[in-house]
């Protein structure tokens, strides 16, 4: 479970996504993620079964969890992907859904 923050799996990818979300600081994303995770039901899982494994160095071979849902908080269909490794949340992706 995330308390206040997590770790970015790939910082270079995050910059563009934070700009799209109009986040002024990467520190603000963690509270938003907590709120968004509360909106997501298990049936909104959009990943493979079994989950894909990450190729990102920090989370290599960790399972990736992807969800797609209509966010009340953001007022649009969103996509989130993350990994959990040693009780740490790793941000992989968060953006407006492309489907």
PDB file of N, CA and C in Angstrom:
ATOM      1  N   UNK A   1       0.845  -1.187   0.000  1.00  0.00           N
ATOM      2  CA  UNK A   1       0.000   0.000   0.000  1.00  0.00           C
ATOM      3  C   UNK A   1       0.889   1.250   0.000  1.00  0.00           C
ATOM      4  N   UNK A   2       0.464   2.273  -0.713  1.00  0.00           N
ATOM      5  CA  UNK A   2       1.233   3.516  -0.774  1.00  0.00           C
ATOM      6  C   UNK A   2       0.836   4.369   0.419  1.00  0.00           C
ATOM      7  N   UNK A   3       1.784   4.949   1.075  1.00  0.00           N
ATOM      8  CA  UNK A   3       1.444   5.880   2.138  1.00  0.00           C
ATOM      9  C   UNK A   3       1.450   7.287   1.576  1.00  0.00           C
ATOM     10  N   UNK A   4       2.611   7.783   1.205  1.00  0.00           N
ATOM     11  CA  UNK A   4       2.674   9.141   0.678  1.00  0.00           C
ATOM     12  C   UNK A   4       3.279   9.178  -0.707  1.00  0.00           C
ATOM     13  N   UNK A   5       4.113   8.218  -1.015  1.00  0.00           N
ATOM     14  CA  UNK A   5       4.712   8.236  -2.336  1.00  0.00           C
ATOM     15  C   UNK A   5       5.148   6.851  -2.754  1.00  0.00           C
ATOM     16  N   UNK A   6       5.691   6.786  -3.925  1.00  0.00           N
ATOM     17  CA  UNK A   6       6.204   5.541  -4.472  1.00  0.00           C
ATOM     18  C   UNK A   6       7.468   5.885  -5.228  1.00  0.00           C
ATOM     19  N   UNK A   7       7.767   5.061  -6.201  1.00  0.00           N
ATOM     20  CA  UNK A   7       8.977   5.261  -6.990  1.00  0.00           C
ATOM     21  C   UNK A   7       8.589   5.234  -8.462  1.00  0.00           C
ATOM     22  N   UNK A   8       9.197   6.103  -9.241  1.00  0.00           N
ATOM     23  CA  UNK A   8       8.965   6.109 -10.676  1.00  0.00           C
ATOM     24  C   UNK A   8       9.832   5.026 -11.311  1.00  0.00           C
ATOM     25  N   UNK A   9       9.219   4.130 -12.060  1.00  0.00           N
ATOM     26  CA  UNK A   9       9.975   3.066 -12.721  1.00  0.00           C
ATOM     27  C   UNK A   9      10.872   3.638 -13.814  1.00  0.00           C
ATOM     28  N   UNK A  10      10.383   4.680 -14.515  1.00  0.00           N
ATOM     29  CA  UNK A  10      11.144   5.318 -15.584  1.00  0.00           C
ATOM     30  C   UNK A  10      10.845   6.811 -15.551  1.00  0.00           C
ATOM     31  N   UNK A  11      11.722   7.582 -14.964  1.00  0.00           N
ATOM     32  CA  UNK A  11      11.503   9.024 -14.767  1.00  0.00           C
ATOM     33  C   UNK A  11      11.284   9.748 -16.092  1.00  0.00           C
ATOM     34  N   UNK A  12      11.994   9.378 -17.138  1.00  0.00           N
ATOM     35  CA  UNK A  12      11.851  10.060 -18.427  1.00  0.00           C
ATOM     36  C   UNK A  12      10.435   9.955 -18.977  1.00  0.00           C
ATOM     37  N   UNK A  13       9.788   8.838 -18.783  1.00  0.00           N
ATOM     38  CA  UNK A  13       8.419   8.644 -19.256  1.00  0.00           C
ATOM     39  C   UNK A  13       7.429   9.468 -18.437  1.00  0.00           C
ATOM     40  N   UNK A  14       7.701   9.614 -17.183  1.00  0.00           N
ATOM     41  CA  UNK A  14       6.797  10.298 -16.257  1.00  0.00           C
ATOM     42  C   UNK A  14       6.603  11.769 -16.623  1.00  0.00           C
ATOM     43  N   UNK A  15       7.652  12.428 -17.058  1.00  0.00           N
ATOM     44  CA  UNK A  15       7.606  13.870 -17.328  1.00  0.00           C
ATOM     45  C   UNK A  15       6.476  14.216 -18.287  1.00  0.00           C
ATOM     46  N   UNK A  16       6.378  13.515 -19.401  1.00  0.00           N
ATOM     47  CA  UNK A  16       5.327  13.787 -20.377  1.00  0.00           C
ATOM     48  C   UNK A  16       3.941  13.524 -19.820  1.00  0.00           C
ATOM     49  N   UNK A  17       3.802  12.444 -19.073  1.00  0.00           N
ATOM     50  CA  UNK A  17       2.496  12.117 -18.507  1.00  0.00           C
ATOM     51  C   UNK A  17       2.065  13.138 -17.464  1.00  0.00           C
ATOM     52  N   UNK A  18       2.995  13.610 -16.657  1.00  0.00           N
ATOM     53  CA  UNK A  18       2.651  14.625 -15.655  1.00  0.00           C
ATOM     54  C   UNK A  18       2.230  15.921 -16.334  1.00  0.00           C
ATOM     55  N   UNK A  19       2.876  16.265 -17.434  1.00  0.00           N
ATOM     56  CA  UNK A  19       2.477  17.460 -18.188  1.00  0.00           C
ATOM     57  C   UNK A  19       1.061  17.310 -18.723  1.00  0.00           C
ATOM     58  N   UNK A  20       0.739  16.143 -19.269  1.00  0.00           N
ATOM     59  CA  UNK A  20      -0.611  15.893 -19.776  1.00  0.00           C
ATOM     60  C   UNK A  20      -1.654  15.999 -18.669  1.00  0.00           C
ATOM     61  N   UNK A  21      -1.284  15.601 -17.465  1.00  0.00           N
ATOM     62  CA  UNK A  21      -2.205  15.666 -16.325  1.00  0.00           C
ATOM     63  C   UNK A  21      -2.202  17.039 -15.658  1.00  0.00           C
ATOM     64  N   UNK A  22      -1.374  17.947 -16.188  1.00  0.00           N
ATOM     65  CA  UNK A  22      -1.235  19.305 -15.656  1.00  0.00           C
ATOM     66  C   UNK A  22      -0.803  19.297 -14.192  1.00  0.00           C
ATOM     67  N   UNK A  23       0.111  18.387 -13.874  1.00  0.00           N
ATOM     68  CA  UNK A  23       0.667  18.309 -12.522  1.00  0.00           C
ATOM     69  C   UNK A  23       1.891  19.212 -12.470  1.00  0.00           C
ATOM     70  N   UNK A  24       1.890  20.160 -11.555  1.00  0.00           N
ATOM     71  CA  UNK A  24       2.992  21.112 -11.447  1.00  0.00           C
ATOM     72  C   UNK A  24       4.236  20.492 -10.820  1.00  0.00           C
ATOM     73  N   UNK A  25       4.046  19.465 -10.025  1.00  0.00           N
ATOM     74  CA  UNK A  25       5.166  18.841  -9.319  1.00  0.00           C
ATOM     75  C   UNK A  25       4.949  17.335  -9.263  1.00  0.00           C
ATOM     76  N   UNK A  26       6.031  16.592  -9.393  1.00  0.00           N
ATOM     77  CA  UNK A  26       5.904  15.134  -9.306  1.00  0.00           C
ATOM     78  C   UNK A  26       5.473  14.695  -7.906  1.00  0.00           C
ATOM     79  N   UNK A  27       5.697  15.544  -6.908  1.00  0.00           N
ATOM     80  CA  UNK A  27       5.276  15.215  -5.541  1.00  0.00           C
ATOM     81  C   UNK A  27       3.754  15.118  -5.421  1.00  0.00           C
ATOM     82  N   UNK A  28       3.032  15.853  -6.267  1.00  0.00           N
ATOM     83  CA  UNK A  28       1.569  15.877  -6.199  1.00  0.00           C
ATOM     84  C   UNK A  28       0.933  14.599  -6.737  1.00  0.00           C
ATOM     85  N   UNK A  29       1.664  13.867  -7.554  1.00  0.00           N
ATOM     86  CA  UNK A  29       1.082  12.695  -8.203  1.00  0.00           C
ATOM     87  C   UNK A  29       0.691  11.605  -7.211  1.00  0.00           C
ATOM     88  N   UNK A  30       1.415  11.494  -6.115  1.00  0.00           N
ATOM     89  CA  UNK A  30       1.165  10.377  -5.195  1.00  0.00           C
ATOM     90  C   UNK A  30      -0.190  10.476  -4.508  1.00  0.00           C
ATOM     91  N   UNK A  31      -0.600  11.666  -4.101  1.00  0.00           N
ATOM     92  CA  UNK A  31      -1.936  11.816  -3.506  1.00  0.00           C
ATOM     93  C   UNK A  31      -3.017  11.547  -4.544  1.00  0.00           C
ATOM     94  N   UNK A  32      -2.777  12.012  -5.781  1.00  0.00           N
ATOM     95  CA  UNK A  32      -3.737  11.745  -6.852  1.00  0.00           C
ATOM     96  C   UNK A  32      -3.860  10.240  -7.082  1.00  0.00           C
ATOM     97  N   UNK A  33      -2.750   9.545  -7.129  1.00  0.00           N
ATOM     98  CA  UNK A  33      -2.790   8.097  -7.340  1.00  0.00           C
ATOM     99  C   UNK A  33      -3.585   7.408  -6.234  1.00  0.00           C
ATOM    100  N   UNK A  34      -3.404   7.818  -4.999  1.00  0.00           N
ATOM    101  CA  UNK A  34      -4.186   7.231  -3.901  1.00  0.00           C
ATOM    102  C   UNK A  34      -5.681   7.417  -4.131  1.00  0.00           C
ATOM    103  N   UNK A  35      -6.072   8.616  -4.560  1.00  0.00           N
ATOM    104  CA  UNK A  35      -7.488   8.884  -4.831  1.00  0.00           C
ATOM    105  C   UNK A  35      -7.982   8.038  -6.001  1.00  0.00           C
ATOM    106  N   UNK A  36      -7.175   7.940  -7.048  1.00  0.00           N
ATOM    107  CA  UNK A  36      -7.584   7.179  -8.226  1.00  0.00           C
ATOM    108  C   UNK A  36      -7.684   5.693  -7.931  1.00  0.00           C
ATOM    109  N   UNK A  37      -6.776   5.163  -7.146  1.00  0.00           N
ATOM    110  CA  UNK A  37      -6.839   3.740  -6.808  1.00  0.00           C
ATOM    111  C   UNK A  37      -8.125   3.401  -6.063  1.00  0.00           C
ATOM    112  N   UNK A  38      -8.650   4.351  -5.297  1.00  0.00           N
ATOM    113  CA  UNK A  38      -9.922   4.129  -4.599  1.00  0.00           C
ATOM    114  C   UNK A  38     -11.093   4.015  -5.572  1.00  0.00           C
ATOM    115  N   UNK A  39     -10.951   4.577  -6.766  1.00  0.00           N
ATOM    116  CA  UNK A  39     -12.024   4.532  -7.763  1.00  0.00           C
ATOM    117  C   UNK A  39     -12.068   3.203  -8.527  1.00  0.00           C
ATOM    118  N   UNK A  40     -10.990   2.468  -8.508  1.00  0.00           N
ATOM    119  CA  UNK A  40     -10.836   1.318  -9.402  1.00  0.00           C
ATOM    120  C   UNK A  40     -11.345   0.031  -8.759  1.00  0.00           C
ATOM    121  N   UNK A  41     -12.230  -0.640  -9.477  1.00  0.00           N
ATOM    122  CA  UNK A  41     -12.736  -1.939  -9.040  1.00  0.00           C
ATOM    123  C   UNK A  41     -11.919  -3.043  -9.719  1.00  0.00           C
ATOM    124  N   UNK A  42     -11.805  -4.207  -9.086  1.00  0.00           N
ATOM    125  CA  UNK A  42     -11.020  -5.308  -9.670  1.00  0.00           C
ATOM    126  C   UNK A  42     -11.427  -5.661 -11.104  1.00  0.00           C
ATOM    127  N   UNK A  43     -12.715  -5.539 -11.420  1.00  0.00           N
ATOM    128  CA  UNK A  43     -13.165  -5.898 -12.771  1.00  0.00           C
ATOM    129  C   UNK A  43     -12.685  -4.921 -13.849  1.00  0.00           C
ATOM    130  N   UNK A  44     -12.058  -3.841 -13.446  1.00  0.00           N
ATOM    131  CA  UNK A  44     -11.503  -2.875 -14.405  1.00  0.00           C
ATOM    132  C   UNK A  44     -10.069  -3.235 -14.803  1.00  0.00           C
ATOM    133  N   UNK A  45      -9.601  -4.387 -14.341  1.00  0.00           N
ATOM    134  CA  UNK A  45      -8.262  -4.853 -14.703  1.00  0.00           C
ATOM    135  C   UNK A  45      -8.177  -4.957 -16.221  1.00  0.00           C
ATOM    136  N   UNK A  46      -7.131  -4.367 -16.806  1.00  0.00           N
ATOM    137  CA  UNK A  46      -6.977  -4.333 -18.260  1.00  0.00           C
ATOM    138  C   UNK A  46      -5.695  -5.010 -18.724  1.00  0.00           C
ATOM    139  N   UNK A  47      -5.012  -5.665 -17.810  1.00  0.00           N
ATOM    140  CA  UNK A  47      -3.755  -6.325 -18.161  1.00  0.00           C
ATOM    141  C   UNK A  47      -3.972  -7.768 -18.566  1.00  0.00           C
ATOM    142  N   UNK A  48      -2.875  -8.420 -18.848  1.00  0.00           N
ATOM    143  CA  UNK A  48      -2.925  -9.828 -19.243  1.00  0.00           C
ATOM    144  C   UNK A  48      -3.008 -10.717 -18.009  1.00  0.00           C
ATOM    145  N   UNK A  49      -3.438 -11.952 -18.254  1.00  0.00           N
ATOM    146  CA  UNK A  49      -3.495 -12.962 -17.198  1.00  0.00           C
ATOM    147  C   UNK A  49      -2.708 -14.168 -17.660  1.00  0.00           C
ATOM    148  N   UNK A  50      -1.624 -14.521 -17.062  1.00  0.00           N
ATOM    149  CA  UNK A  50      -0.975 -13.835 -15.945  1.00  0.00           C
ATOM    150  C   UNK A  50      -0.407 -12.491 -16.389  1.00  0.00           C
ATOM    151  N   UNK A  51      -0.161 -11.590 -15.435  1.00  0.00           N
ATOM    152  CA  UNK A  51       0.341 -10.255 -15.782  1.00  0.00           C
ATOM    153  C   UNK A  51       1.682 -10.310 -16.517  1.00  0.00           C
ATOM    154  N   UNK A  52       1.868  -9.323 -17.419  1.00  0.00           N
ATOM    155  CA  UNK A  52       3.167  -9.163 -18.081  1.00  0.00           C
ATOM    156  C   UNK A  52       4.231  -8.882 -17.035  1.00  0.00           C
ATOM    157  N   UNK A  53       5.461  -9.155 -17.393  1.00  0.00           N
ATOM    158  CA  UNK A  53       6.611  -8.838 -16.526  1.00  0.00           C
ATOM    159  C   UNK A  53       7.290  -7.588 -17.065  1.00  0.00           C
ATOM    160  N   UNK A  54       7.797  -6.771 -16.179  1.00  0.00           N
ATOM    161  CA  UNK A  54       8.448  -5.522 -16.561  1.00  0.00           C
ATOM    162  C   UNK A  54       9.865  -5.757 -17.070  1.00  0.00           C
ATOM    163  N   UNK A  55      10.244  -4.890 -18.007  1.00  0.00           N
ATOM    164  CA  UNK A  55      11.626  -4.878 -18.494  1.00  0.00           C
ATOM    165  C   UNK A  55      12.387  -3.671 -17.966  1.00  0.00           C
ATOM    166  N   UNK A  56      11.695  -2.787 -17.227  1.00  0.00           N
ATOM    167  CA  UNK A  56      12.358  -1.621 -16.634  1.00  0.00           C
ATOM    168  C   UNK A  56      13.349  -2.125 -15.586  1.00  0.00           C
ATOM    169  N   UNK A  57      14.537  -1.537 -15.581  1.00  0.00           N
ATOM    170  CA  UNK A  57      15.599  -2.028 -14.687  1.00  0.00           C
ATOM    171  C   UNK A  57      15.184  -2.106 -13.220  1.00  0.00           C
ATOM    172  N   UNK A  58      14.535  -1.054 -12.719  1.00  0.00           N
ATOM    173  CA  UNK A  58      14.188  -1.004 -11.290  1.00  0.00           C
ATOM    174  C   UNK A  58      13.213  -2.103 -10.878  1.00  0.00           C
ATOM    175  N   UNK A  59      12.396  -2.526 -11.825  1.00  0.00           N
ATOM    176  CA  UNK A  59      11.359  -3.505 -11.492  1.00  0.00           C
ATOM    177  C   UNK A  59      11.394  -4.705 -12.441  1.00  0.00           C
ATOM    178  N   UNK A  60      12.551  -4.982 -12.973  1.00  0.00           N
ATOM    179  CA  UNK A  60      12.695  -6.073 -13.935  1.00  0.00           C
ATOM    180  C   UNK A  60      12.108  -7.371 -13.387  1.00  0.00           C
ATOM    181  N   UNK A  61      11.290  -7.996 -14.211  1.00  0.00           N
ATOM    182  CA  UNK A  61      10.609  -9.264 -13.912  1.00  0.00           C
ATOM    183  C   UNK A  61       9.471  -9.132 -12.907  1.00  0.00           C
ATOM    184  N   UNK A  62       9.166  -7.920 -12.460  1.00  0.00           N
ATOM    185  CA  UNK A  62       8.011  -7.715 -11.573  1.00  0.00           C
ATOM    186  C   UNK A  62       6.734  -7.728 -12.412  1.00  0.00           C
ATOM    187  N   UNK A  63       5.653  -8.216 -11.832  1.00  0.00           N
ATOM    188  CA  UNK A  63       4.377  -8.232 -12.542  1.00  0.00           C
ATOM    189  C   UNK A  63       3.829  -6.822 -12.681  1.00  0.00           C
ATOM    190  N   UNK A  64       3.249  -6.546 -13.861  1.00  0.00           N
ATOM    191  CA  UNK A  64       2.657  -5.238 -14.151  1.00  0.00           C
ATOM    192  C   UNK A  64       1.139  -5.344 -14.065  1.00  0.00           C
ATOM    193  N   UNK A  65       0.531  -4.401 -13.366  1.00  0.00           N
ATOM    194  CA  UNK A  65      -0.916  -4.374 -13.198  1.00  0.00           C
ATOM    195  C   UNK A  65      -1.467  -3.142 -13.895  1.00  0.00           C
ATOM    196  N   UNK A  66      -2.380  -3.359 -14.835  1.00  0.00           N
ATOM    197  CA  UNK A  66      -2.960  -2.264 -15.608  1.00  0.00           C
ATOM    198  C   UNK A  66      -4.474  -2.238 -15.403  1.00  0.00           C
ATOM    199  N   UNK A  67      -5.009  -1.030 -15.284  1.00  0.00           N
ATOM    200  CA  UNK A  67      -6.443  -0.840 -15.111  1.00  0.00           C
ATOM    201  C   UNK A  67      -6.913   0.299 -16.002  1.00  0.00           C
ATOM    202  N   UNK A  68      -8.131   0.169 -16.511  1.00  0.00           N
ATOM    203  CA  UNK A  68      -8.742   1.205 -17.339  1.00  0.00           C
ATOM    204  C   UNK A  68     -10.147   1.437 -16.780  1.00  0.00           C
ATOM    205  N   UNK A  69     -10.487   2.674 -16.469  1.00  0.00           N
ATOM    206  CA  UNK A  69     -11.766   2.971 -15.824  1.00  0.00           C
ATOM    207  C   UNK A  69     -12.169   4.416 -16.098  1.00  0.00           C
ATOM    208  N   UNK A  70     -13.438   4.714 -15.850  1.00  0.00           N
ATOM    209  CA  UNK A  70     -13.942   6.084 -15.963  1.00  0.00           C
ATOM    210  C   UNK A  70     -13.716   6.769 -14.623  1.00  0.00           C
ATOM    211  N   UNK A  71     -12.809   7.728 -14.623  1.00  0.00           N
ATOM    212  CA  UNK A  71     -12.455   8.417 -13.383  1.00  0.00           C
ATOM    213  C   UNK A  71     -13.425   9.551 -13.082  1.00  0.00           C
ATOM    214  N   UNK A  72     -14.036   9.484 -11.914  1.00  0.00           N
ATOM    215  CA  UNK A  72     -14.886  10.592 -11.464  1.00  0.00           C
ATOM    216  C   UNK A  72     -14.022  11.792 -11.106  1.00  0.00           C
ATOM    217  N   UNK A  73     -12.886  11.543 -10.493  1.00  0.00           N
ATOM    218  CA  UNK A  73     -11.978  12.611 -10.060  1.00  0.00           C
ATOM    219  C   UNK A  73     -11.487  13.435 -11.245  1.00  0.00           C
ATOM    220  N   UNK A  74     -11.089  12.773 -12.324  1.00  0.00           N
ATOM    221  CA  UNK A  74     -10.520  13.472 -13.476  1.00  0.00           C
ATOM    222  C   UNK A  74     -11.529  13.709 -14.597  1.00  0.00           C
ATOM    223  N   UNK A  75     -12.696  13.083 -14.498  1.00  0.00           N
ATOM    224  CA  UNK A  75     -13.746  13.311 -15.489  1.00  0.00           C
ATOM    225  C   UNK A  75     -13.442  12.743 -16.868  1.00  0.00           C
ATOM    226  N   UNK A  76     -12.655  11.682 -16.928  1.00  0.00           N
ATOM    227  CA  UNK A  76     -12.343  11.044 -18.210  1.00  0.00           C
ATOM    228  C   UNK A  76     -11.915   9.603 -17.982  1.00  0.00           C
ATOM    229  N   UNK A  77     -11.900   8.852 -19.074  1.00  0.00           N
ATOM    230  CA  UNK A  77     -11.454   7.461 -18.995  1.00  0.00           C
ATOM    231  C   UNK A  77      -9.939   7.455 -18.852  1.00  0.00           C
ATOM    232  N   UNK A  78      -9.451   6.753 -17.827  1.00  0.00           N
ATOM    233  CA  UNK A  78      -8.028   6.761 -17.501  1.00  0.00           C
ATOM    234  C   UNK A  78      -7.434   5.356 -17.588  1.00  0.00           C
ATOM    235  N   UNK A  79      -6.115   5.335 -17.686  1.00  0.00           N
ATOM    236  CA  UNK A  79      -5.335   4.098 -17.724  1.00  0.00           C
ATOM    237  C   UNK A  79      -4.204   4.247 -16.718  1.00  0.00           C
ATOM    238  N   UNK A  80      -4.032   3.245 -15.874  1.00  0.00           N
ATOM    239  CA  UNK A  80      -2.933   3.251 -14.910  1.00  0.00           C
ATOM    240  C   UNK A  80      -2.233   1.896 -14.967  1.00  0.00           C
ATOM    241  N   UNK A  81      -0.918   1.935 -14.876  1.00  0.00           N
ATOM    242  CA  UNK A  81      -0.134   0.695 -14.816  1.00  0.00           C
ATOM    243  C   UNK A  81       0.913   0.866 -13.725  1.00  0.00           C
ATOM    244  N   UNK A  82       1.073  -0.178 -12.920  1.00  0.00           N
ATOM    245  CA  UNK A  82       2.031  -0.109 -11.824  1.00  0.00           C
ATOM    246  C   UNK A  82       2.558  -1.495 -11.498  1.00  0.00           C
ATOM    247  N   UNK A  83       3.596  -1.508 -10.700  1.00  0.00           N
ATOM    248  CA  UNK A  83       4.155  -2.755 -10.181  1.00  0.00           C
ATOM    249  C   UNK A  83       4.295  -2.611  -8.674  1.00  0.00           C
ATOM    250  N   UNK A  84       4.254  -3.717  -7.997  1.00  0.00           N
ATOM    251  CA  UNK A  84       4.496  -3.756  -6.555  1.00  0.00           C
ATOM    252  C   UNK A  84       5.713  -4.639  -6.339  1.00  0.00           C
ATOM    253  N   UNK A  85       6.703  -4.088  -5.670  1.00  0.00           N
ATOM    254  CA  UNK A  85       7.930  -4.842  -5.414  1.00  0.00           C
ATOM    255  C   UNK A  85       8.391  -4.538  -4.001  1.00  0.00           C
ATOM    256  N   UNK A  86       8.521  -5.571  -3.190  1.00  0.00           N
ATOM    257  CA  UNK A  86       8.948  -5.417  -1.803  1.00  0.00           C
ATOM    258  C   UNK A  86       8.130  -4.353  -1.073  1.00  0.00           C
ATOM    259  N   UNK A  87       6.814  -4.443  -1.196  1.00  0.00           N
ATOM    260  CA  UNK A  87       5.865  -3.521  -0.557  1.00  0.00           C
ATOM    261  C   UNK A  87       6.020  -2.077  -1.002  1.00  0.00           C
ATOM    262  N   UNK A  88       6.567  -1.863  -2.187  1.00  0.00           N
ATOM    263  CA  UNK A  88       6.719  -0.515  -2.730  1.00  0.00           C
ATOM    264  C   UNK A  88       5.925  -0.405  -4.023  1.00  0.00           C
ATOM    265  N   UNK A  89       5.215   0.712  -4.177  1.00  0.00           N
ATOM    266  CA  UNK A  89       4.458   1.004  -5.392  1.00  0.00           C
ATOM    267  C   UNK A  89       5.400   1.640  -6.402  1.00  0.00           C
ATOM    268  N   UNK A  90       5.438   1.084  -7.607  1.00  0.00           N
ATOM    269  CA  UNK A  90       6.240   1.641  -8.694  1.00  0.00           C
ATOM    270  C   UNK A  90       5.306   2.165  -9.777  1.00  0.00           C
ATOM    271  N   UNK A  91       5.376   3.465 -10.005  1.00  0.00           N
ATOM    272  CA  UNK A  91       4.597   4.113 -11.055  1.00  0.00           C
ATOM    273  C   UNK A  91       5.189   3.718 -12.396  1.00  0.00           C
ATOM    274  N   UNK A  92       4.372   3.148 -13.260  1.00  0.00           N
ATOM    275  CA  UNK A  92       4.811   2.821 -14.614  1.00  0.00           C
ATOM    276  C   UNK A  92       4.141   3.766 -15.599  1.00  0.00           C
ATOM    277  N   UNK A  93       2.821   3.978 -15.445  1.00  0.00           N
ATOM    278  CA  UNK A  93       2.111   4.836 -16.387  1.00  0.00           C
ATOM    279  C   UNK A  93       0.792   5.311 -15.789  1.00  0.00           C
ATOM    280  N   UNK A  94       0.414   6.524 -16.143  1.00  0.00           N
ATOM    281  CA  UNK A  94      -0.890   7.081 -15.784  1.00  0.00           C
ATOM    282  C   UNK A  94      -1.226   8.124 -16.831  1.00  0.00           C
ATOM    283  N   UNK A  95      -2.288   7.872 -17.593  1.00  0.00           N
ATOM    284  CA  UNK A  95      -2.677   8.816 -18.641  1.00  0.00           C
ATOM    285  C   UNK A  95      -4.119   8.578 -19.059  1.00  0.00           C
ATOM    286  N   UNK A  96      -4.632   9.487 -19.864  1.00  0.00           N
ATOM    287  CA  UNK A  96      -5.964   9.327 -20.439  1.00  0.00           C
ATOM    288  C   UNK A  96      -5.948   8.060 -21.281  1.00  0.00           C
ATOM    289  N   UNK A  97      -7.004   7.262 -21.172  1.00  0.00           N
ATOM    290  CA  UNK A  97      -7.075   6.011 -21.920  1.00  0.00           C
ATOM    291  C   UNK A  97      -7.076   6.277 -23.421  1.00  0.00           C
ATOM    292  N   UNK A  98      -6.391   5.416 -24.141  1.00  0.00           N
ATOM    293  CA  UNK A  98      -6.331   5.537 -25.601  1.00  0.00           C
ATOM    294  C   UNK A  98      -7.384   4.670 -26.279  1.00  0.00           C
ATOM    295  N   UNK A  99      -8.178   3.956 -25.472  1.00  0.00           N
ATOM    296  CA  UNK A  99      -9.250   3.121 -26.027  1.00  0.00           C
ATOM    297  C   UNK A  99     -10.601   3.660 -25.680  1.00  0.00           C
TER     298      UNK A  99
END
